[in-house]
Structure formats: structure tokens, C-alpha cells
Amino acid sequence: MVDVSTQTPAVLITGGAVRLGRQLALHMARSGYHVALHFNRSSAAAEATAADIRNMGAQCALFGLDFQDSSTDYEAYIQLVRRHFPGLRILINSASVYDPAPIAQSDMHLVQKQFLVNFMAPFQLTRWFAHTASGGDSSVINILDNKIAYHQFPYAAYALSKSTLAEFTRMAALEFAPYIRVNGIAPGVILPAEERTTDYLEWRSAGIPLRRMGSPDHITRALDYILNNDFLTGQILFVDGGESENFIGRNATDYKPEHPTPLESPPEHREQGP
């Protein structure tokens, strides 16, 4: 068991071994928090991240759990984390699965997988985190996706699971106020998958109003803003260069027919009937 004081703040980060979760874990360690690091199959990466955190002088303990197991005992899991880190104050739900498929190709296994990991795990972890929290300085931060702003059916189950988590964020903020604040961060193009080509990334960037991709630093700054603003709850910060706002829709002013038909005369000069 890690020997830490109850006054030492700690954070539980799910999916904290790799990618954005790892960046969040390292940032929280740099910010003075001890880190409870959740992982599933990335045990080697989790050990490496934990070593980096310990080199910063922070405590780090690993807590493996498979969120796809519907029989998971989340109460016992949170209690285990709190026994190691009595100063647990923050829960960051970052773990996620991403299986693209349109509705017509989304079988029950795929849908259940997306919802078990992307929604049900944060739901249950938040529930038991709230049950065991003490004091009025606790926070839950749900990592979402700017796809919740769209109806992108090629990612049906994934997008729906994240949209449900967004609604849960607002609902939980009301239920657990004033003692626990619940907020969300919806990243855009931050850490694209390795298989994405340069041409694809340039194409994506062209659709972002700020005309560039973001970096993990943009997410950690959003995280700091949430944690440092104690009058903020129930909010979702879109950190995506304005991409989620770029949804004008087709309209008449943008329509350019291939073979325009000129008017017989300008509208203001048309002859009016009796």
C-alpha cells in the first residue's frame, strides 16, 4: 500500500497508460497530484508511465480493470483506490474504445462494447466516487469527443455513447452539486491515429476554422481551467479549434448551379401584375 497522507491530493485517471490519458497523467503529476493509473491490456505502457510519474517525485499505483466485463464491481474498485490514496479528489474518465461502423453494420457486440467502456464505466465510477467522496473540493472530468456536435452515422455506436456521456455530465453536475463538480472536455483533432496519412490530416485541418490541429497541451490547459475554476460545473469545453462550430449547413447563398439561368430582368424591375 502506498503510504500517503490524507492531505495529499490524488487523481484516478482511466486509460492513463497511453495516448491522451498518459499526457493527462503526467500533467497531473507535474501539478502536484499522486496518480492512480487505470489500465486494461496496456500493462507495459502503464509501467512505463508510472515510472515517469515516480521520477517526477509523485506517487503512482496501477489499477488494472477490464471495463468490457459487465460484471465489474466498481464499488470495490473505487474503495481499493481510496485505500491506496485517501486523498483521492479527482476522477478523470479518459478510457475509450473507438470502433467505427454505421448503424446498419453495428451488431449488438459492437454497441455493447462502446457503451460499456465509453459510458457505463464513467457512470459507475462517478457514482461510487461520489458515494465515497468527502469534503467539497472533488471533481469529475469526462473526456468526450467533438463528434458529439454532429450526427456522424459512420461512427454510430461510438458517437452515441459519447453523446450519452455528455448528457450524463450535465445530469451528474446537478445531482452531486455543491460538493462535487462534474465537467467535460471534448477534444477535436489532437492525437490522430498513427495510420492517418499526411493528406488526410491536411484535409481535416482545412475544415477547422483555426486551420491547424491541436496538441495535448491544449487539453491539459482546459483541464487546468476546469480544476482551478470552482464556480464551473455541468460544462463541456470543446477544444477543437472551432471545428464543432463550423456547421453552417447548405443554404441558397452558397448554391452555385453548373448552368445558371439568368433572370429575364432584375427582380426590382419586373413588371407587377394588377
Protein backbone atom coordinates (compact mmCIF):
# COMPACT_ATOMS: atom_id res chain seq x y z
CA MET A 1 0.00 0.00 0.00
CA VAL A 2 1.25 3.45 -0.90
CA ASP A 3 1.94 5.49 2.24
CA VAL A 4 0.44 8.91 1.59
CA SER A 5 -1.23 11.48 3.79
CA THR A 6 -4.95 12.11 3.52
CA GLN A 7 -3.99 15.71 2.79
CA THR A 8 -2.11 14.75 -0.36
CA PRO A 9 -4.40 15.23 -3.37
CA ALA A 10 -4.68 12.29 -5.75
CA VAL A 11 -6.34 11.65 -9.09
CA LEU A 12 -7.72 8.50 -10.69
CA ILE A 13 -7.22 8.53 -14.46
CA THR A 14 -8.79 5.79 -16.55
CA GLY A 15 -6.96 4.77 -19.70
CA GLY A 16 -3.95 6.57 -18.26
CA ALA A 17 -1.23 4.40 -19.79
CA VAL A 18 -1.26 5.60 -23.38
CA ARG A 19 -2.05 8.49 -25.70
CA LEU A 20 -4.10 11.33 -24.19
CA GLY A 21 -4.61 9.50 -20.89
CA ARG A 22 -0.85 9.30 -20.44
CA GLN A 23 -0.48 13.03 -21.16
CA LEU A 24 -3.14 13.81 -18.57
CA ALA A 25 -1.45 11.56 -16.01
CA LEU A 26 1.96 13.17 -16.50
CA HIS A 27 0.42 16.63 -16.32
CA MET A 28 -1.38 15.89 -13.06
CA ALA A 29 1.85 14.51 -11.57
CA ARG A 30 3.65 17.70 -12.58
CA SER A 31 0.83 19.65 -10.93
CA GLY A 32 1.44 18.00 -7.57
CA TYR A 33 -1.02 15.11 -7.58
CA HIS A 34 -0.41 11.47 -6.82
CA VAL A 35 -1.79 9.31 -9.60
CA ALA A 36 -3.96 6.20 -9.55
CA LEU A 37 -3.47 4.87 -13.05
CA HIS A 38 -6.12 2.64 -14.59
CA PHE A 39 -5.22 0.37 -17.49
CA ASN A 40 -6.61 -2.71 -19.18
CA ARG A 41 -4.31 -4.52 -21.61
CA SER A 42 -1.55 -1.89 -21.79
CA SER A 43 0.36 -3.21 -18.78
CA ALA A 44 3.84 -2.49 -20.17
CA ALA A 45 2.87 1.05 -21.16
CA ALA A 46 1.26 1.54 -17.74
CA GLU A 47 4.51 0.52 -16.00
CA ALA A 48 6.47 2.94 -18.19
CA THR A 49 4.07 5.81 -17.45
CA ALA A 50 4.16 5.01 -13.73
CA ALA A 51 7.97 5.08 -13.80
CA ASP A 52 7.92 8.52 -15.44
CA ILE A 53 5.50 9.78 -12.80
CA ARG A 54 7.62 8.45 -9.94
CA ASN A 55 10.67 10.11 -11.45
CA MET A 56 8.81 13.40 -11.00
CA GLY A 57 8.54 12.73 -7.28
CA ALA A 58 4.85 11.82 -7.30
CA GLN A 59 3.34 8.56 -6.11
CA CYS A 60 1.75 6.30 -8.73
CA ALA A 61 -0.08 2.99 -8.33
CA LEU A 62 -1.55 0.83 -11.08
CA PHE A 63 -5.13 -0.43 -11.00
CA GLY A 64 -5.99 -2.78 -13.84
CA LEU A 65 -9.60 -3.38 -14.83
CA ASP A 66 -11.49 -4.51 -17.92
CA PHE A 67 -14.43 -2.16 -18.48
CA GLN A 68 -15.87 -4.53 -21.09
CA ASP A 69 -16.67 -7.01 -18.32
CA SER A 70 -20.29 -6.28 -17.43
CA SER A 71 -19.84 -7.97 -14.03
CA THR A 72 -17.20 -5.46 -12.88
CA ASP A 73 -17.56 -4.39 -9.23
CA TYR A 74 -17.00 -0.64 -9.45
CA GLU A 75 -17.72 -0.06 -5.77
CA ALA A 76 -14.87 -2.38 -4.78
CA TYR A 77 -12.61 -0.76 -7.37
CA ILE A 78 -13.13 2.77 -6.06
CA GLN A 79 -12.71 1.57 -2.47
CA LEU A 80 -9.42 -0.09 -3.44
CA VAL A 81 -8.16 3.15 -4.99
CA ARG A 82 -9.19 5.16 -1.92
CA ARG A 83 -7.40 2.77 0.41
CA HIS A 84 -4.20 3.42 -1.53
CA PHE A 85 -4.86 7.14 -1.95
CA PRO A 86 -7.06 8.52 0.86
CA GLY A 87 -6.60 11.95 -0.68
CA LEU A 88 -8.41 10.99 -3.89
CA ARG A 89 -10.09 14.19 -5.06
CA ILE A 90 -10.34 13.95 -8.84
CA LEU A 91 -11.68 11.36 -11.28
CA ILE A 92 -10.77 11.73 -14.96
CA ASN A 93 -12.72 9.36 -17.18
CA SER A 94 -10.41 9.12 -20.20
CA ALA A 95 -10.57 5.43 -21.18
CA SER A 96 -12.31 4.92 -24.50
CA VAL A 97 -12.86 2.45 -27.32
CA TYR A 98 -13.43 3.56 -30.87
CA ASP A 99 -14.91 1.14 -33.39
CA PRO A 100 -16.29 2.95 -36.46
CA ALA A 101 -19.36 1.44 -38.07
CA PRO A 102 -22.65 2.80 -39.43
CA ILE A 103 -25.92 1.78 -37.82
CA ALA A 104 -26.58 -0.93 -40.40
CA GLN A 105 -23.29 -2.66 -39.56
CA SER A 106 -23.35 -2.21 -35.76
CA ASP A 107 -24.16 -5.57 -34.19
CA MET A 108 -25.02 -6.00 -30.52
CA HIS A 109 -21.44 -6.85 -29.52
CA LEU A 110 -20.07 -3.65 -31.06
CA VAL A 111 -22.77 -1.47 -29.50
CA GLN A 112 -22.35 -3.03 -26.06
CA LYS A 113 -18.58 -2.62 -26.22
CA GLN A 114 -18.85 1.11 -26.98
CA PHE A 115 -21.39 1.73 -24.24
CA LEU A 116 -19.74 -0.43 -21.57
CA VAL A 117 -16.40 1.39 -21.91
CA ASN A 118 -17.39 4.88 -23.05
CA PHE A 119 -20.49 5.38 -20.91
CA MET A 120 -21.21 2.69 -18.33
CA ALA A 121 -17.71 2.73 -16.81
CA PRO A 122 -17.72 6.53 -16.28
CA PHE A 123 -21.31 6.29 -14.97
CA GLN A 124 -20.46 3.68 -12.35
CA LEU A 125 -17.08 5.16 -11.44
CA THR A 126 -18.66 8.58 -10.92
CA ARG A 127 -21.44 7.03 -8.87
CA TRP A 128 -19.08 5.31 -6.42
CA PHE A 129 -16.60 8.17 -6.45
CA ALA A 130 -19.47 10.38 -5.24
CA HIS A 131 -20.56 7.85 -2.62
CA THR A 132 -17.11 7.79 -1.05
CA ALA A 133 -16.08 11.44 -1.53
CA SER A 134 -15.51 13.65 1.45
CA GLY A 135 -15.28 17.41 1.53
CA GLY A 136 -16.34 19.90 -1.09
CA ASP A 137 -13.32 20.04 -3.37
CA SER A 138 -13.85 16.97 -5.58
CA SER A 139 -14.20 16.97 -9.36
CA VAL A 140 -15.09 14.58 -12.16
CA ILE A 141 -13.87 15.33 -15.69
CA ASN A 142 -15.23 13.27 -18.57
CA ILE A 143 -13.17 13.17 -21.75
CA LEU A 144 -15.65 13.31 -24.62
CA ASP A 145 -15.20 13.95 -28.36
CA ASN A 146 -16.22 16.84 -30.56
CA LYS A 147 -18.18 14.28 -32.62
CA ILE A 148 -20.99 14.80 -30.09
CA ALA A 149 -21.73 18.00 -32.04
CA TYR A 150 -22.56 16.03 -35.18
CA HIS A 151 -24.71 13.15 -36.40
CA GLN A 152 -21.89 11.17 -37.97
CA PHE A 153 -23.58 7.86 -38.62
CA PRO A 154 -20.34 6.18 -39.84
CA TYR A 155 -19.40 6.20 -36.12
CA ALA A 156 -22.90 5.49 -34.82
CA ALA A 157 -22.38 3.50 -31.61
CA TYR A 158 -19.23 5.40 -30.63
CA ALA A 159 -20.81 8.81 -31.17
CA LEU A 160 -23.98 7.80 -29.34
CA SER A 161 -22.00 6.50 -26.36
CA LYS A 162 -20.09 9.78 -26.12
CA SER A 163 -23.26 11.84 -26.55
CA THR A 164 -24.84 9.88 -23.71
CA LEU A 165 -21.79 10.60 -21.57
CA ALA A 166 -22.20 14.31 -22.36
CA GLU A 167 -25.80 14.25 -21.13
CA PHE A 168 -24.70 12.32 -18.05
CA THR A 169 -22.09 15.02 -17.37
CA ARG A 170 -24.81 17.67 -17.15
CA MET A 171 -27.14 15.46 -15.11
CA ALA A 172 -24.46 14.40 -12.64
CA ALA A 173 -23.38 18.02 -12.18
CA LEU A 174 -26.84 18.80 -10.84
CA GLU A 175 -27.15 15.73 -8.64
CA PHE A 176 -23.75 15.97 -6.98
CA ALA A 177 -23.59 19.74 -6.52
CA PRO A 178 -22.48 21.53 -4.44
CA TYR A 179 -19.88 19.04 -3.18
CA ILE A 180 -18.65 17.55 -6.46
CA ARG A 181 -18.19 19.41 -9.72
CA VAL A 182 -18.70 17.47 -12.94
CA ASN A 183 -17.47 18.81 -16.28
CA GLY A 184 -16.33 17.53 -19.65
CA ILE A 185 -13.72 18.19 -22.31
CA ALA A 186 -14.49 17.45 -25.98
CA PRO A 187 -11.23 17.28 -27.96
CA GLY A 188 -11.02 17.63 -31.71
CA VAL A 189 -8.02 16.56 -33.81
CA ILE A 190 -5.40 16.24 -31.08
CA LEU A 191 -3.66 12.87 -31.31
CA PRO A 192 -4.71 11.31 -34.62
CA ALA A 193 -4.27 7.59 -35.09
CA GLU A 194 -0.90 6.52 -36.48
CA GLU A 195 -2.46 5.18 -39.67
CA ARG A 196 -3.77 8.63 -40.66
CA THR A 197 -1.92 9.93 -43.70
CA THR A 198 -0.49 13.41 -44.15
CA ASP A 199 -3.05 14.12 -46.88
CA TYR A 200 -5.87 13.16 -44.54
CA LEU A 201 -4.60 15.34 -41.72
CA GLU A 202 -4.22 18.30 -44.07
CA TRP A 203 -7.78 17.73 -45.26
CA ARG A 204 -9.04 17.61 -41.67
CA SER A 205 -7.11 20.76 -40.76
CA ALA A 206 -8.66 22.61 -43.69
CA GLY A 207 -12.08 22.03 -42.11
CA ILE A 208 -11.02 23.57 -38.78
CA PRO A 209 -11.59 27.33 -38.52
CA LEU A 210 -8.16 27.83 -36.93
CA ARG A 211 -6.68 25.75 -39.79
CA ARG A 212 -4.49 23.52 -37.64
CA MET A 213 -4.55 20.50 -35.38
CA GLY A 214 -4.33 20.79 -31.63
CA SER A 215 -1.87 19.27 -29.17
CA PRO A 216 -2.19 17.53 -25.79
CA ASP A 217 -1.10 20.82 -24.21
CA HIS A 218 -4.39 22.38 -25.33
CA ILE A 219 -6.27 19.67 -23.43
CA THR A 220 -4.19 19.97 -20.26
CA ARG A 221 -4.76 23.73 -20.25
CA ALA A 222 -8.50 23.10 -20.50
CA LEU A 223 -8.17 20.66 -17.61
CA ASP A 224 -6.37 23.28 -15.52
CA TYR A 225 -9.10 25.79 -16.27
CA ILE A 226 -11.78 23.40 -15.04
CA LEU A 227 -9.89 22.41 -11.90
CA ASN A 228 -8.95 25.98 -10.98
CA ASN A 229 -12.41 27.48 -11.53
CA ASP A 230 -14.53 26.38 -8.58
CA PHE A 231 -17.64 28.11 -9.98
CA LEU A 232 -17.74 25.83 -13.02
CA THR A 233 -19.89 22.70 -13.24
CA GLY A 234 -22.04 20.98 -15.84
CA GLN A 235 -19.97 22.46 -18.66
CA ILE A 236 -18.38 20.84 -21.71
CA LEU A 237 -15.36 22.59 -23.20
CA PHE A 238 -14.85 21.95 -26.91
CA VAL A 239 -11.12 22.10 -27.54
CA ASP A 240 -11.13 21.69 -31.30
CA GLY A 241 -10.11 24.93 -33.00
CA GLY A 242 -13.76 25.80 -33.59
CA GLU A 243 -14.45 22.69 -35.68
CA SER A 244 -17.65 21.88 -33.81
CA GLU A 245 -18.95 25.39 -34.56
CA ASN A 246 -18.34 25.01 -38.28
CA PHE A 247 -21.77 23.60 -39.08
CA ILE A 248 -23.48 26.20 -41.24
CA GLY A 249 -25.34 23.78 -43.48
CA ARG A 250 -26.14 24.23 -47.12
CA ASN A 251 -28.08 27.37 -47.96
CA ALA A 252 -29.17 29.40 -51.00
CA THR A 253 -26.33 31.91 -50.79
CA ASP A 254 -23.79 29.12 -51.25
CA TYR A 255 -25.61 27.44 -54.13
CA LYS A 256 -23.76 27.73 -57.43
CA PRO A 257 -25.51 25.78 -60.20
CA GLU A 258 -23.40 24.45 -63.04
CA HIS A 259 -25.58 26.18 -65.68
CA PRO A 260 -27.17 29.23 -64.10
CA THR A 261 -30.30 30.54 -65.77
CA PRO A 262 -30.27 34.35 -65.97
CA LEU A 263 -33.36 36.22 -64.90
CA GLU A 264 -35.32 37.92 -67.67
CA SER A 265 -34.88 41.16 -65.78
CA PRO A 266 -33.71 42.13 -62.30
CA PRO A 267 -36.37 41.38 -59.66
CA GLU A 268 -36.85 45.03 -58.76
CA HIS A 269 -37.66 45.87 -62.39
CA ARG A 270 -40.10 43.09 -63.04
CA GLU A 271 -43.49 44.17 -64.19
CA GLN A 272 -46.06 43.74 -61.45
CA GLY A 273 -49.50 42.33 -62.12
CA PRO A 274 -52.70 44.25 -61.37
